[in-house]
Amino acid sequence: MFTGIVEEMGVIKRLEKSGAGTTLTILASTVMDDLEAGASVSVNGACLTVVSVGEREFAVEVSPETLAVTTLGQLAAGTPVNLERAMRVHDRIGGHLVAGHVDGVGSIRNRTPEGNAIVLTIEAPREVLRYCVHKGSITLDGISMTINEVSDRNFSVAVIPHTAKATTLGLKKPGETVNLEADLIGKYVERLLQDRGQLPAKPAPVIDRDYLQKHGLI
């Protein structure tokens, strides 16, 4: 479990691909404190397990499924990534409860200066937008953000100067993609209401060519 408060930007040092998956070696400093094999780390919003730790780097393994449903498959050596260690029970929750389980990939449509902030408009899948509410929480590449506006295809967030400097959102441009995780509480509320018959069940996904391409199956 995470909070969506990024501790630092690390840098991808090396990618090693095999038939079983991909191993990422990441250069870092802050998150290296007390990090050990078996620990969970959020890398651009995806919860990954540490498999080895060096003096100034650590390695995580990424399954083919994770590569297919997140932006991690687009990473290359030299790419910056948002890093957060798993929260401890006594920590403050500065953002919101984040599981590190990516729900979908969004695409940045607009980047607009507004005062001292940058407003990002993001096109998102329907399965993510269903949980988006005005002034609610959402995770972008592991960053806890507040939703400003929601439409039938997009939502927008305001990136303050500190967040732009401390995370990869300050580097993102229109056309680039981000990992999205909807608010965990909304999912539980929906499931409870469905079990009580107060909401219809989620429709089953349509397994067509678009679905297969999106999930890297063809």
Protein backbone atom coordinates (compact mmCIF):
# COMPACT_ATOMS: atom_id res chain seq x y z
CA MET A 1 0.00 0.00 0.00
CA PHE A 2 1.22 3.49 -0.89
CA THR A 3 0.14 7.11 -0.41
CA GLY A 4 0.87 8.63 -3.81
CA ILE A 5 3.52 10.97 -2.36
CA VAL A 6 6.57 10.40 -4.57
CA GLU A 7 9.81 10.21 -2.60
CA GLU A 8 12.14 10.81 -5.50
CA MET A 9 12.69 10.44 -9.22
CA GLY A 10 14.94 7.53 -10.02
CA VAL A 11 16.49 6.74 -13.40
CA ILE A 12 16.30 3.51 -15.36
CA LYS A 13 19.84 2.18 -15.63
CA ARG A 14 19.22 -1.06 -17.47
CA LEU A 15 16.45 -3.27 -18.90
CA GLU A 16 16.96 -7.00 -19.30
CA LYS A 17 14.24 -8.75 -21.25
CA SER A 18 13.60 -12.47 -21.32
CA GLY A 19 10.76 -14.80 -22.19
CA ALA A 20 9.63 -14.77 -18.56
CA GLY A 21 9.47 -10.98 -18.26
CA THR A 22 11.69 -7.94 -17.78
CA THR A 23 14.09 -6.91 -15.04
CA LEU A 24 14.53 -3.18 -14.44
CA THR A 25 17.60 -1.85 -12.68
CA ILE A 26 16.90 1.61 -11.24
CA LEU A 27 19.35 4.21 -9.93
CA ALA A 28 18.06 5.87 -6.75
CA SER A 29 19.14 7.43 -3.45
CA THR A 30 16.31 8.31 -1.03
CA VAL A 31 14.39 5.04 -1.39
CA MET A 32 17.57 3.01 -0.89
CA ASP A 33 17.35 3.62 2.86
CA ASP A 34 16.24 0.31 4.49
CA LEU A 35 15.32 -1.16 1.08
CA GLU A 36 15.78 -4.92 0.84
CA ALA A 37 14.91 -7.81 -1.46
CA GLY A 38 11.23 -8.69 -1.20
CA ALA A 39 10.12 -5.13 -0.46
CA SER A 40 7.45 -3.39 -2.53
CA VAL A 41 8.21 -0.21 -4.46
CA SER A 42 5.89 1.86 -6.61
CA VAL A 43 7.52 2.56 -9.98
CA ASN A 44 5.40 5.06 -11.94
CA GLY A 45 2.41 3.85 -9.95
CA ALA A 46 2.93 0.10 -10.43
CA CYS A 47 3.68 -1.95 -7.31
CA LEU A 48 6.78 -4.05 -8.03
CA THR A 49 8.86 -6.40 -5.89
CA VAL A 50 12.53 -5.70 -5.29
CA VAL A 51 14.68 -8.68 -6.26
CA SER A 52 18.15 -7.27 -5.52
CA VAL A 53 19.70 -4.20 -3.90
CA GLY A 54 23.06 -2.57 -4.64
CA GLU A 55 24.78 0.47 -3.16
CA ARG A 56 22.95 3.03 -5.31
CA GLU A 57 20.59 0.89 -7.33
CA PHE A 58 17.95 -1.80 -7.04
CA ALA A 59 16.28 -4.23 -9.42
CA VAL A 60 12.63 -5.20 -9.85
CA GLU A 61 10.98 -7.83 -12.01
CA VAL A 62 8.06 -6.91 -14.30
CA SER A 63 5.71 -9.61 -15.59
CA PRO A 64 4.45 -9.66 -19.20
CA GLU A 65 0.94 -8.83 -17.90
CA THR A 66 2.20 -5.70 -16.14
CA LEU A 67 4.10 -4.63 -19.24
CA ALA A 68 0.92 -5.06 -21.30
CA VAL A 69 -1.43 -3.03 -19.08
CA THR A 70 0.92 -0.20 -17.95
CA THR A 71 3.37 2.22 -19.54
CA LEU A 72 6.37 0.33 -18.08
CA GLY A 73 6.92 -1.37 -21.44
CA GLN A 74 7.80 2.05 -22.89
CA LEU A 75 10.68 2.66 -20.48
CA ALA A 76 14.27 2.84 -21.70
CA ALA A 77 17.68 3.37 -20.13
CA GLY A 78 17.92 6.97 -18.95
CA THR A 79 14.16 7.41 -18.42
CA PRO A 80 13.19 9.07 -15.10
CA VAL A 81 10.59 7.25 -12.98
CA ASN A 82 8.58 8.16 -9.87
CA LEU A 83 9.51 6.07 -6.83
CA GLU A 84 7.76 5.47 -3.51
CA ARG A 85 8.43 2.81 -0.89
CA ALA A 86 5.48 1.00 0.67
CA MET A 87 3.90 2.99 3.50
CA ARG A 88 4.39 2.03 7.15
CA VAL A 89 1.47 1.76 9.55
CA HIS A 90 2.52 4.82 11.56
CA ASP A 91 3.14 7.04 8.50
CA ARG A 92 1.04 10.09 7.67
CA ILE A 93 -1.10 9.58 4.57
CA GLY A 94 -0.22 12.77 2.74
CA GLY A 95 -2.03 11.74 -0.43
CA HIS A 96 -4.62 8.95 -0.43
CA LEU A 97 -4.69 5.15 -0.19
CA VAL A 98 -2.96 3.76 -3.28
CA ALA A 99 -2.70 0.04 -4.01
CA GLY A 100 -0.17 0.27 -6.83
CA HIS A 101 -2.47 -1.71 -9.12
CA VAL A 102 -2.81 0.21 -12.38
CA ASP A 103 -6.38 0.35 -13.70
CA GLY A 104 -5.56 1.72 -17.14
CA VAL A 105 -3.41 4.03 -19.23
CA GLY A 106 -4.39 7.61 -19.96
CA SER A 107 -3.17 9.98 -22.66
CA ILE A 108 -2.33 13.63 -22.04
CA ARG A 109 -4.41 15.74 -24.42
CA ASN A 110 -3.61 19.27 -23.22
CA ARG A 111 -1.01 20.98 -21.06
CA THR A 112 -2.10 24.52 -20.14
CA PRO A 113 -0.41 27.05 -17.80
CA GLU A 114 -2.83 28.45 -15.22
CA GLY A 115 -1.32 30.85 -12.71
CA ASN A 116 1.60 29.05 -11.07
CA ALA A 117 0.21 25.62 -12.01
CA ILE A 118 0.05 23.42 -15.08
CA VAL A 119 -3.36 21.98 -15.93
CA LEU A 120 -3.21 18.56 -17.57
CA THR A 121 -6.24 17.23 -19.41
CA ILE A 122 -6.10 13.46 -19.65
CA GLU A 123 -8.18 11.15 -21.81
CA ALA A 124 -8.93 8.04 -19.77
CA PRO A 125 -10.59 4.64 -20.28
CA ARG A 126 -14.22 4.32 -19.22
CA GLU A 127 -13.28 1.83 -16.49
CA VAL A 128 -11.25 4.60 -14.82
CA LEU A 129 -13.58 7.54 -15.51
CA ARG A 130 -16.45 5.75 -13.75
CA TYR A 131 -14.63 6.35 -10.45
CA CYS A 132 -13.61 9.96 -11.16
CA VAL A 133 -15.49 12.67 -9.25
CA HIS A 134 -14.99 16.41 -8.92
CA LYS A 135 -12.42 17.07 -6.15
CA GLY A 136 -11.86 13.33 -5.78
CA SER A 137 -8.48 11.56 -5.86
CA ILE A 138 -6.69 9.74 -8.64
CA THR A 139 -3.14 8.45 -9.10
CA LEU A 140 -1.09 9.51 -12.14
CA ASP A 141 2.18 7.61 -12.56
CA GLY A 142 2.17 7.00 -8.81
CA ILE A 143 1.33 10.60 -7.88
CA SER A 144 -1.74 11.39 -5.76
CA MET A 145 -3.68 14.14 -7.56
CA THR A 146 -6.96 15.98 -7.05
CA ILE A 147 -9.42 15.95 -9.95
CA ASN A 148 -10.50 19.43 -11.07
CA GLU A 149 -13.03 18.55 -13.77
CA VAL A 150 -14.54 15.41 -15.29
CA SER A 151 -16.22 14.88 -18.67
CA ASP A 152 -17.40 11.78 -20.50
CA ARG A 153 -13.91 11.18 -21.93
CA ASN A 154 -11.45 13.28 -19.92
CA PHE A 155 -10.50 14.60 -16.54
CA SER A 156 -8.13 17.39 -15.57
CA VAL A 157 -5.68 17.98 -12.70
CA ALA A 158 -3.60 20.99 -11.65
CA VAL A 159 0.12 20.32 -11.15
CA ILE A 160 1.66 22.75 -8.65
CA PRO A 161 5.32 23.86 -9.07
CA HIS A 162 6.61 21.50 -6.36
CA THR A 163 4.97 18.46 -7.99
CA ALA A 164 6.20 19.52 -11.44
CA LYS A 165 9.76 19.73 -10.10
CA ALA A 166 9.73 16.62 -7.91
CA THR A 167 7.98 14.19 -10.29
CA THR A 168 7.85 13.26 -13.94
CA LEU A 169 4.62 15.23 -14.48
CA GLY A 170 6.72 18.35 -15.02
CA LEU A 171 8.28 16.62 -18.03
CA LYS A 172 5.12 15.21 -19.58
CA LYS A 173 3.90 16.59 -22.91
CA PRO A 174 0.65 16.21 -24.89
CA GLY A 175 0.47 12.80 -26.54
CA GLU A 176 2.42 11.05 -23.79
CA THR A 177 0.82 8.42 -21.57
CA VAL A 178 0.44 7.93 -17.82
CA ASN A 179 -0.53 5.04 -15.56
CA LEU A 180 -3.87 5.58 -13.84
CA GLU A 181 -5.23 4.12 -10.62
CA ALA A 182 -8.72 5.12 -9.52
CA ASP A 183 -9.62 5.78 -5.89
CA LEU A 184 -9.68 2.49 -3.98
CA ILE A 185 -12.57 3.54 -1.74
CA GLY A 186 -14.85 4.15 -4.73
CA LYS A 187 -14.25 0.61 -5.97
CA TYR A 188 -15.21 -0.92 -2.63
CA VAL A 189 -18.34 1.21 -2.36
CA GLU A 190 -19.40 0.15 -5.85
CA ARG A 191 -18.83 -3.54 -5.07
CA LEU A 192 -20.84 -3.36 -1.81
CA LEU A 193 -23.76 -1.68 -3.56
CA GLN A 194 -23.65 -4.29 -6.34
CA ASP A 195 -23.75 -7.13 -3.79
CA ARG A 196 -26.82 -5.53 -2.20
CA GLY A 197 -28.51 -5.27 -5.58
CA GLN A 198 -28.48 -1.48 -5.51
CA LEU A 199 -26.25 -1.19 -8.58
CA PRO A 200 -26.04 -3.28 -11.75
CA ALA A 201 -22.98 -5.50 -12.04
CA LYS A 202 -20.07 -4.30 -14.15
CA PRO A 203 -20.54 -5.26 -17.80
CA ALA A 204 -18.20 -7.99 -19.00
CA PRO A 205 -15.43 -6.68 -21.29
CA VAL A 206 -15.94 -7.13 -25.01
CA ILE A 207 -13.10 -9.35 -26.23
CA ASP A 208 -12.50 -7.88 -29.66
CA ARG A 209 -9.42 -6.90 -31.67
CA ASP A 210 -9.07 -3.54 -29.90
CA TYR A 211 -9.16 -5.27 -26.49
CA LEU A 212 -6.51 -7.79 -27.54
CA GLN A 213 -4.21 -5.08 -28.95
CA LYS A 214 -4.60 -2.92 -25.83
CA HIS A 215 -3.53 -5.82 -23.61
CA GLY A 216 -0.61 -6.79 -25.87
CA LEU A 217 -2.13 -10.14 -26.87
CA ILE A 218 -1.84 -9.60 -30.64
